[in-house]
């Protein structure tokens, strides 16, 4: 079981994997069945991981 923090972009522009302008994010802890199911998400700085 893999628990990951998902930061969802609420508002603001997303360019080249970076969040630009004013952005508001929601932090959600999302449990998934396998580590392989941990999908790509954006961290606080907006860097794609």
PDB file of N, CA and C in Angstrom:
ATOM      1  N   UNK A   1       0.854  -1.192   0.000  1.00  0.00           N
ATOM      2  CA  UNK A   1       0.000   0.000   0.000  1.00  0.00           C
ATOM      3  C   UNK A   1       0.883   1.233   0.000  1.00  0.00           C
ATOM      4  N   UNK A   2       0.571   2.133  -0.875  1.00  0.00           N
ATOM      5  CA  UNK A   2       1.380   3.342  -1.002  1.00  0.00           C
ATOM      6  C   UNK A   2       0.530   4.551  -0.683  1.00  0.00           C
ATOM      7  N   UNK A   3       0.994   5.383   0.222  1.00  0.00           N
ATOM      8  CA  UNK A   3       0.280   6.622   0.538  1.00  0.00           C
ATOM      9  C   UNK A   3       1.082   7.787  -0.013  1.00  0.00           C
ATOM     10  N   UNK A   4       0.431   8.613  -0.782  1.00  0.00           N
ATOM     11  CA  UNK A   4       1.140   9.736  -1.384  1.00  0.00           C
ATOM     12  C   UNK A   4       0.361  11.009  -1.161  1.00  0.00           C
ATOM     13  N   UNK A   5       1.076  12.116  -1.117  1.00  0.00           N
ATOM     14  CA  UNK A   5       0.412  13.406  -1.006  1.00  0.00           C
ATOM     15  C   UNK A   5       0.193  13.955  -2.404  1.00  0.00           C
ATOM     16  N   UNK A   6      -1.058  14.217  -2.708  1.00  0.00           N
ATOM     17  CA  UNK A   6      -1.392  14.749  -4.022  1.00  0.00           C
ATOM     18  C   UNK A   6      -1.717  16.216  -3.891  1.00  0.00           C
ATOM     19  N   UNK A   7      -0.938  17.036  -4.578  1.00  0.00           N
ATOM     20  CA  UNK A   7      -1.195  18.475  -4.546  1.00  0.00           C
ATOM     21  C   UNK A   7      -1.870  18.867  -5.846  1.00  0.00           C
ATOM     22  N   UNK A   8      -3.122  19.213  -5.740  1.00  0.00           N
ATOM     23  CA  UNK A   8      -3.915  19.521  -6.924  1.00  0.00           C
ATOM     24  C   UNK A   8      -3.945  21.018  -7.166  1.00  0.00           C
ATOM     25  N   UNK A   9      -3.689  21.384  -8.397  1.00  0.00           N
ATOM     26  CA  UNK A   9      -3.706  22.793  -8.749  1.00  0.00           C
ATOM     27  C   UNK A   9      -5.147  23.273  -8.835  1.00  0.00           C
ATOM     28  N   UNK A  10      -5.496  24.263  -8.023  1.00  0.00           N
ATOM     29  CA  UNK A  10      -6.844  24.815  -8.026  1.00  0.00           C
ATOM     30  C   UNK A  10      -6.934  25.953  -9.026  1.00  0.00           C
ATOM     31  N   UNK A  11      -6.033  26.912  -8.918  1.00  0.00           N
ATOM     32  CA  UNK A  11      -6.045  28.057  -9.820  1.00  0.00           C
ATOM     33  C   UNK A  11      -4.620  28.429 -10.193  1.00  0.00           C
ATOM     34  N   UNK A  12      -4.468  29.111 -11.313  1.00  0.00           N
ATOM     35  CA  UNK A  12      -3.135  29.485 -11.768  1.00  0.00           C
ATOM     36  C   UNK A  12      -2.787  28.752 -13.043  1.00  0.00           C
ATOM     37  N   UNK A  13      -1.774  29.226 -13.722  1.00  0.00           N
ATOM     38  CA  UNK A  13      -1.381  28.646 -14.999  1.00  0.00           C
ATOM     39  C   UNK A  13      -0.268  27.628 -14.804  1.00  0.00           C
ATOM     40  N   UNK A  14      -0.244  26.616 -15.676  1.00  0.00           N
ATOM     41  CA  UNK A  14       0.778  25.581 -15.602  1.00  0.00           C
ATOM     42  C   UNK A  14       1.522  25.575 -16.929  1.00  0.00           C
ATOM     43  N   UNK A  15       2.812  25.937 -16.877  1.00  0.00           N
ATOM     44  CA  UNK A  15       3.595  26.028 -18.098  1.00  0.00           C
ATOM     45  C   UNK A  15       4.907  25.270 -17.937  1.00  0.00           C
ATOM     46  N   UNK A  16       5.183  24.381 -18.869  1.00  0.00           N
ATOM     47  CA  UNK A  16       6.442  23.628 -18.876  1.00  0.00           C
ATOM     48  C   UNK A  16       6.677  22.921 -17.549  1.00  0.00           C
ATOM     49  N   UNK A  17       5.619  22.401 -16.940  1.00  0.00           N
ATOM     50  CA  UNK A  17       5.760  21.655 -15.699  1.00  0.00           C
ATOM     51  C   UNK A  17       5.953  22.540 -14.496  1.00  0.00           C
ATOM     52  N   UNK A  18       5.861  23.858 -14.679  1.00  0.00           N
ATOM     53  CA  UNK A  18       6.023  24.775 -13.557  1.00  0.00           C
ATOM     54  C   UNK A  18       4.764  25.609 -13.387  1.00  0.00           C
ATOM     55  N   UNK A  19       4.380  25.819 -12.143  1.00  0.00           N
ATOM     56  CA  UNK A  19       3.207  26.634 -11.880  1.00  0.00           C
ATOM     57  C   UNK A  19       3.617  28.097 -11.890  1.00  0.00           C
ATOM     58  N   UNK A  20       2.910  28.888 -12.678  1.00  0.00           N
ATOM     59  CA  UNK A  20       3.243  30.307 -12.757  1.00  0.00           C
ATOM     60  C   UNK A  20       2.068  31.124 -12.269  1.00  0.00           C
ATOM     61  N   UNK A  21       2.340  32.335 -11.849  1.00  0.00           N
ATOM     62  CA  UNK A  21       1.283  33.195 -11.343  1.00  0.00           C
ATOM     63  C   UNK A  21       0.876  32.761  -9.946  1.00  0.00           C
ATOM     64  N   UNK A  22      -0.291  33.207  -9.512  1.00  0.00           N
ATOM     65  CA  UNK A  22      -0.790  32.854  -8.188  1.00  0.00           C
ATOM     66  C   UNK A  22      -1.481  31.504  -8.258  1.00  0.00           C
ATOM     67  N   UNK A  23      -1.043  30.583  -7.421  1.00  0.00           N
ATOM     68  CA  UNK A  23      -1.620  29.248  -7.445  1.00  0.00           C
ATOM     69  C   UNK A  23      -2.067  28.829  -6.053  1.00  0.00           C
ATOM     70  N   UNK A  24      -3.184  28.142  -6.002  1.00  0.00           N
ATOM     71  CA  UNK A  24      -3.674  27.596  -4.741  1.00  0.00           C
ATOM     72  C   UNK A  24      -3.739  26.084  -4.878  1.00  0.00           C
ATOM     73  N   UNK A  25      -3.173  25.373  -3.913  1.00  0.00           N
ATOM     74  CA  UNK A  25      -3.136  23.918  -4.022  1.00  0.00           C
ATOM     75  C   UNK A  25      -3.833  23.268  -2.838  1.00  0.00           C
ATOM     76  N   UNK A  26      -4.372  22.091  -3.091  1.00  0.00           N
ATOM     77  CA  UNK A  26      -5.011  21.314  -2.037  1.00  0.00           C
ATOM     78  C   UNK A  26      -4.169  20.074  -1.781  1.00  0.00           C
ATOM     79  N   UNK A  27      -3.842  19.821  -0.520  1.00  0.00           N
ATOM     80  CA  UNK A  27      -3.036  18.657  -0.178  1.00  0.00           C
ATOM     81  C   UNK A  27      -3.966  17.527   0.239  1.00  0.00           C
ATOM     82  N   UNK A  28      -3.853  16.403  -0.459  1.00  0.00           N
ATOM     83  CA  UNK A  28      -4.712  15.263  -0.170  1.00  0.00           C
ATOM     84  C   UNK A  28      -3.864  14.015  -0.030  1.00  0.00           C
ATOM     85  N   UNK A  29      -4.099  13.246   1.026  1.00  0.00           N
ATOM     86  CA  UNK A  29      -3.395  11.978   1.191  1.00  0.00           C
ATOM     87  C   UNK A  29      -4.211  10.897   0.504  1.00  0.00           C
ATOM     88  N   UNK A  30      -3.639  10.288  -0.518  1.00  0.00           N
ATOM     89  CA  UNK A  30      -4.371   9.309  -1.315  1.00  0.00           C
ATOM     90  C   UNK A  30      -3.710   7.942  -1.229  1.00  0.00           C
ATOM     91  N   UNK A  31      -4.373   6.966  -0.615  1.00  0.00           N
ATOM     92  CA  UNK A  31      -3.840   5.606  -0.552  1.00  0.00           C
ATOM     93  C   UNK A  31      -4.087   4.870  -1.863  1.00  0.00           C
ATOM     94  N   UNK A  32      -3.095   4.136  -2.337  1.00  0.00           N
ATOM     95  CA  UNK A  32      -3.268   3.344  -3.552  1.00  0.00           C
ATOM     96  C   UNK A  32      -2.801   1.917  -3.299  1.00  0.00           C
ATOM     97  N   UNK A  33      -3.219   1.009  -4.143  1.00  0.00           N
ATOM     98  CA  UNK A  33      -2.936  -0.410  -3.939  1.00  0.00           C
ATOM     99  C   UNK A  33      -1.460  -0.735  -4.027  1.00  0.00           C
ATOM    100  N   UNK A  34      -0.782  -0.195  -5.055  1.00  0.00           N
ATOM    101  CA  UNK A  34       0.619  -0.528  -5.268  1.00  0.00           C
ATOM    102  C   UNK A  34       1.430   0.727  -5.523  1.00  0.00           C
ATOM    103  N   UNK A  35       2.719   0.626  -5.278  1.00  0.00           N
ATOM    104  CA  UNK A  35       3.597   1.762  -5.510  1.00  0.00           C
ATOM    105  C   UNK A  35       3.586   2.135  -6.991  1.00  0.00           C
ATOM    106  N   UNK A  36       3.378   1.121  -7.862  1.00  0.00           N
ATOM    107  CA  UNK A  36       3.343   1.371  -9.297  1.00  0.00           C
ATOM    108  C   UNK A  36       2.157   2.245  -9.678  1.00  0.00           C
ATOM    109  N   UNK A  37       1.144   2.290  -8.787  1.00  0.00           N
ATOM    110  CA  UNK A  37      -0.045   3.072  -9.075  1.00  0.00           C
ATOM    111  C   UNK A  37       0.105   4.529  -8.672  1.00  0.00           C
ATOM    112  N   UNK A  38       1.251   4.860  -8.062  1.00  0.00           N
ATOM    113  CA  UNK A  38       1.483   6.256  -7.708  1.00  0.00           C
ATOM    114  C   UNK A  38       1.765   7.024  -8.991  1.00  0.00           C
ATOM    115  N   UNK A  39       0.828   7.840  -9.389  1.00  0.00           N
ATOM    116  CA  UNK A  39       0.931   8.520 -10.668  1.00  0.00           C
ATOM    117  C   UNK A  39       1.724   9.811 -10.544  1.00  0.00           C
ATOM    118  N   UNK A  40       1.987  10.416 -11.678  1.00  0.00           N
ATOM    119  CA  UNK A  40       2.720  11.682 -11.702  1.00  0.00           C
ATOM    120  C   UNK A  40       1.901  12.768 -11.035  1.00  0.00           C
ATOM    121  N   UNK A  41       2.524  13.536 -10.185  1.00  0.00           N
ATOM    122  CA  UNK A  41       1.826  14.630  -9.522  1.00  0.00           C
ATOM    123  C   UNK A  41       2.777  15.811  -9.396  1.00  0.00           C
ATOM    124  N   UNK A  42       2.208  16.950  -9.060  1.00  0.00           N
ATOM    125  CA  UNK A  42       3.015  18.158  -8.929  1.00  0.00           C
ATOM    126  C   UNK A  42       3.249  18.452  -7.455  1.00  0.00           C
ATOM    127  N   UNK A  43       4.500  18.726  -7.100  1.00  0.00           N
ATOM    128  CA  UNK A  43       4.784  19.075  -5.714  1.00  0.00           C
ATOM    129  C   UNK A  43       4.528  20.564  -5.506  1.00  0.00           C
ATOM    130  N   UNK A  44       4.859  21.071  -4.318  1.00  0.00           N
ATOM    131  CA  UNK A  44       4.511  22.434  -3.955  1.00  0.00           C
ATOM    132  C   UNK A  44       5.125  23.453  -4.913  1.00  0.00           C
ATOM    133  N   UNK A  45       6.330  23.171  -5.421  1.00  0.00           N
ATOM    134  CA  UNK A  45       6.997  24.112  -6.315  1.00  0.00           C
ATOM    135  C   UNK A  45       6.485  23.980  -7.742  1.00  0.00           C
ATOM    136  N   UNK A  46       5.649  22.987  -7.984  1.00  0.00           N
ATOM    137  CA  UNK A  46       5.085  22.805  -9.308  1.00  0.00           C
ATOM    138  C   UNK A  46       5.952  21.956 -10.215  1.00  0.00           C
ATOM    139  N   UNK A  47       6.997  21.354  -9.649  1.00  0.00           N
ATOM    140  CA  UNK A  47       7.874  20.515 -10.450  1.00  0.00           C
ATOM    141  C   UNK A  47       7.233  19.150 -10.661  1.00  0.00           C
ATOM    142  N   UNK A  48       7.238  18.703 -11.896  1.00  0.00           N
ATOM    143  CA  UNK A  48       6.618  17.411 -12.201  1.00  0.00           C
ATOM    144  C   UNK A  48       7.518  16.279 -11.744  1.00  0.00           C
ATOM    145  N   UNK A  49       6.943  15.311 -10.995  1.00  0.00           N
ATOM    146  CA  UNK A  49       7.722  14.186 -10.506  1.00  0.00           C
ATOM    147  C   UNK A  49       7.089  12.890 -10.983  1.00  0.00           C
TER     148      UNK A  49
END
